[in-house]
Amino acid sequence: MSDRGLTHLDPLGRARMVDVTPKEPSHRRALARCRVYMNPETTALVARGAVTKGDVLAVARVAGIQAAKRTPDLIPLCHQLTIGSVYVNFTLDDTWIEVEAQVETVDRTGVEMEALTACSVAALTIYDMCKSADRTMSIGQMTLWEKTGGRAGTYRRDPEQLLE
């Protein structure tokens, strides 16, 4: 926890939205990743574009982009931001699909929640589109990997912090 304590609580311990109006806008970027674990046969179906519901990765990419833009509607104390860009990309392995979401803005507060939301909704979309082929899927390792900009500066997660 930072030396500022819990910033979303007022002096009486009640939830509040942090006042960012005195802050100057700056360029901010956040990168989040997660994995959808599945059977190798399911990953192969996705790679071949053979899932009956359609192009899994194309739909998941659009879902992630839409989710980033709707983050304040989902996270109660999250600020409405002008999002400059959202990139959602995928890496396929034999038993998982990694989702990576990057969000950028020039604003008064960061885009970590937007990147995490994009990542999670893209992963949920993969799950939804593949569930008829594989009920054993799971989603894990939802993690903020990097953030830049703002008073706190740059944060980069040590890759050794996550287990396989």
Protein backbone atom coordinates (compact mmCIF):
# COMPACT_ATOMS: atom_id res chain seq x y z
CA MET A 1 0.00 0.00 0.00
CA SER A 2 1.21 3.51 -0.75
CA ASP A 3 2.04 6.06 1.92
CA ARG A 4 -1.20 7.81 0.99
CA GLY A 5 -3.35 4.95 2.32
CA LEU A 6 -6.52 3.90 0.56
CA THR A 7 -7.31 6.80 -1.75
CA HIS A 8 -10.89 5.71 -2.47
CA LEU A 9 -11.95 6.23 1.14
CA ASP A 10 -12.86 9.55 2.72
CA PRO A 11 -11.71 10.41 6.30
CA LEU A 12 -14.78 8.59 7.68
CA GLY A 13 -14.02 5.42 5.72
CA ARG A 14 -16.76 5.90 3.11
CA ALA A 15 -16.23 5.19 -0.57
CA ARG A 16 -15.44 8.22 -2.71
CA MET A 17 -14.21 8.99 -6.18
CA VAL A 18 -10.71 10.47 -6.03
CA ASP A 19 -10.57 14.12 -7.12
CA VAL A 20 -8.19 14.31 -10.08
CA THR A 21 -9.16 17.82 -11.23
CA PRO A 22 -6.02 19.51 -9.80
CA LYS A 23 -3.75 17.12 -11.73
CA GLU A 24 -2.25 18.00 -15.10
CA PRO A 25 -3.02 15.64 -17.99
CA SER A 26 -0.10 13.47 -19.05
CA HIS A 27 0.53 10.58 -21.40
CA ARG A 28 -0.33 7.31 -19.69
CA ARG A 29 -0.16 3.71 -20.84
CA ALA A 30 -1.01 0.39 -19.24
CA LEU A 31 -0.39 -3.19 -20.36
CA ALA A 32 -2.28 -6.18 -18.92
CA ARG A 33 -2.13 -9.89 -19.67
CA CYS A 34 -4.01 -13.05 -18.81
CA ARG A 35 -4.30 -16.59 -20.12
CA VAL A 36 -7.19 -18.80 -21.12
CA TYR A 37 -6.14 -22.39 -20.43
CA MET A 38 -7.70 -25.09 -22.61
CA ASN A 39 -7.22 -28.50 -24.16
CA PRO A 40 -4.75 -28.64 -27.07
CA GLU A 41 -7.61 -29.63 -29.39
CA THR A 42 -9.44 -26.43 -28.51
CA THR A 43 -6.39 -24.25 -29.14
CA ALA A 44 -5.99 -25.99 -32.50
CA LEU A 45 -9.63 -25.22 -33.39
CA VAL A 46 -9.08 -21.55 -32.58
CA ALA A 47 -5.83 -21.44 -34.58
CA ARG A 48 -7.53 -23.02 -37.62
CA GLY A 49 -10.57 -20.76 -37.35
CA ALA A 50 -12.72 -23.87 -36.98
CA VAL A 51 -14.78 -22.91 -33.90
CA THR A 52 -18.45 -23.10 -34.91
CA LYS A 53 -19.32 -19.69 -33.42
CA GLY A 54 -16.86 -17.91 -35.75
CA ASP A 55 -13.49 -16.16 -35.62
CA VAL A 56 -12.76 -16.35 -31.90
CA LEU A 57 -9.81 -13.97 -31.82
CA ALA A 58 -11.44 -11.30 -34.01
CA VAL A 59 -14.55 -11.25 -31.82
CA ALA A 60 -12.47 -11.29 -28.61
CA ARG A 61 -10.38 -8.37 -29.89
CA VAL A 62 -13.46 -6.23 -30.54
CA ALA A 63 -14.96 -7.26 -27.18
CA GLY A 64 -11.78 -6.17 -25.40
CA ILE A 65 -11.72 -2.81 -27.16
CA GLN A 66 -15.38 -2.19 -26.31
CA ALA A 67 -14.78 -3.22 -22.70
CA ALA A 68 -11.93 -0.75 -22.26
CA LYS A 69 -14.22 2.05 -23.39
CA ARG A 70 -16.95 0.96 -20.95
CA THR A 71 -14.77 0.46 -17.86
CA PRO A 72 -16.35 3.30 -15.81
CA ASP A 73 -19.75 1.66 -16.34
CA LEU A 74 -18.42 -1.54 -14.72
CA ILE A 75 -16.03 -0.30 -12.01
CA PRO A 76 -17.96 2.06 -9.70
CA LEU A 77 -15.21 4.53 -8.72
CA CYS A 78 -13.36 4.53 -12.04
CA HIS A 79 -13.03 7.86 -13.87
CA GLN A 80 -14.36 8.44 -17.38
CA LEU A 81 -11.29 8.90 -19.61
CA THR A 82 -10.64 9.91 -23.17
CA ILE A 83 -8.98 6.76 -24.45
CA GLY A 84 -6.51 7.37 -27.25
CA SER A 85 -5.91 3.76 -28.26
CA VAL A 86 -6.64 0.17 -27.30
CA TYR A 87 -4.69 -2.78 -28.67
CA VAL A 88 -5.73 -6.36 -27.92
CA ASN A 89 -3.44 -9.13 -29.14
CA PHE A 90 -3.10 -12.86 -28.63
CA THR A 91 -0.37 -15.46 -28.33
CA LEU A 92 -1.32 -19.11 -28.82
CA ASP A 93 0.46 -22.03 -27.23
CA ASP A 94 -0.55 -25.70 -27.10
CA THR A 95 -2.66 -25.37 -23.96
CA TRP A 96 -3.40 -21.66 -23.63
CA ILE A 97 -4.16 -18.40 -25.36
CA GLU A 98 -2.53 -15.35 -23.83
CA VAL A 99 -4.49 -12.12 -24.07
CA GLU A 100 -2.57 -8.85 -23.99
CA ALA A 101 -4.31 -5.48 -23.79
CA GLN A 102 -2.60 -2.11 -24.04
CA VAL A 103 -4.47 1.14 -23.44
CA GLU A 104 -3.17 4.70 -23.86
CA THR A 105 -4.52 8.14 -22.99
CA VAL A 106 -3.51 11.69 -22.27
CA ASP A 107 -5.50 12.39 -19.12
CA ARG A 108 -5.36 13.06 -15.37
CA THR A 109 -5.44 9.45 -14.21
CA GLY A 110 -4.13 6.11 -15.40
CA VAL A 111 -5.62 3.43 -17.63
CA GLU A 112 -4.73 0.32 -15.59
CA MET A 113 -8.38 -0.58 -15.03
CA GLU A 114 -9.17 -0.13 -18.72
CA ALA A 115 -6.33 -2.48 -19.72
CA LEU A 116 -7.36 -5.08 -17.12
CA THR A 117 -11.01 -4.83 -18.16
CA ALA A 118 -10.14 -5.20 -21.86
CA CYS A 119 -8.01 -8.23 -21.04
CA SER A 120 -10.64 -9.92 -18.90
CA VAL A 121 -13.54 -9.36 -21.31
CA ALA A 122 -11.46 -10.60 -24.26
CA ALA A 123 -10.63 -13.74 -22.23
CA LEU A 124 -14.28 -14.22 -21.27
CA THR A 125 -15.23 -13.91 -24.93
CA ILE A 126 -12.74 -16.64 -25.85
CA TYR A 127 -14.24 -18.79 -23.11
CA ASP A 128 -17.79 -18.12 -24.31
CA MET A 129 -17.00 -18.90 -27.93
CA CYS A 130 -15.12 -22.12 -27.09
CA LYS A 131 -17.18 -23.49 -24.20
CA SER A 132 -19.15 -25.92 -26.36
CA ALA A 133 -15.86 -27.54 -27.42
CA ASP A 134 -14.13 -27.47 -24.03
CA ARG A 135 -15.81 -27.22 -20.61
CA THR A 136 -12.45 -27.58 -18.81
CA MET A 137 -11.18 -24.11 -19.74
CA SER A 138 -10.02 -21.71 -17.05
CA ILE A 139 -8.84 -18.12 -17.02
CA GLY A 140 -5.83 -17.13 -14.94
CA GLN A 141 -2.85 -14.87 -14.36
CA MET A 142 -4.80 -11.63 -14.83
CA THR A 143 -1.98 -9.17 -14.23
CA LEU A 144 -0.95 -5.58 -14.80
CA TRP A 145 2.43 -5.94 -16.52
CA GLU A 146 3.34 -2.31 -17.01
CA LYS A 147 2.12 1.23 -16.52
CA THR A 148 3.73 4.51 -17.46
CA GLY A 149 2.91 8.14 -16.76
CA GLY A 150 1.50 9.98 -13.81
CA ARG A 151 2.99 10.90 -10.47
CA ALA A 152 3.88 7.31 -9.56
CA GLY A 153 5.97 6.95 -12.72
CA THR A 154 6.75 3.68 -14.45
CA TYR A 155 5.92 0.25 -13.08
CA ARG A 156 7.06 -2.98 -14.71
CA ARG A 157 6.24 -6.40 -13.27
CA ASP A 158 9.12 -8.79 -12.81
CA PRO A 159 8.37 -11.77 -15.13
CA GLU A 160 9.59 -14.10 -12.37
CA GLN A 161 6.65 -13.07 -10.14
CA LEU A 162 4.21 -15.34 -11.99
CA LEU A 163 4.29 -19.10 -11.99
CA GLU A 164 3.58 -21.15 -15.08
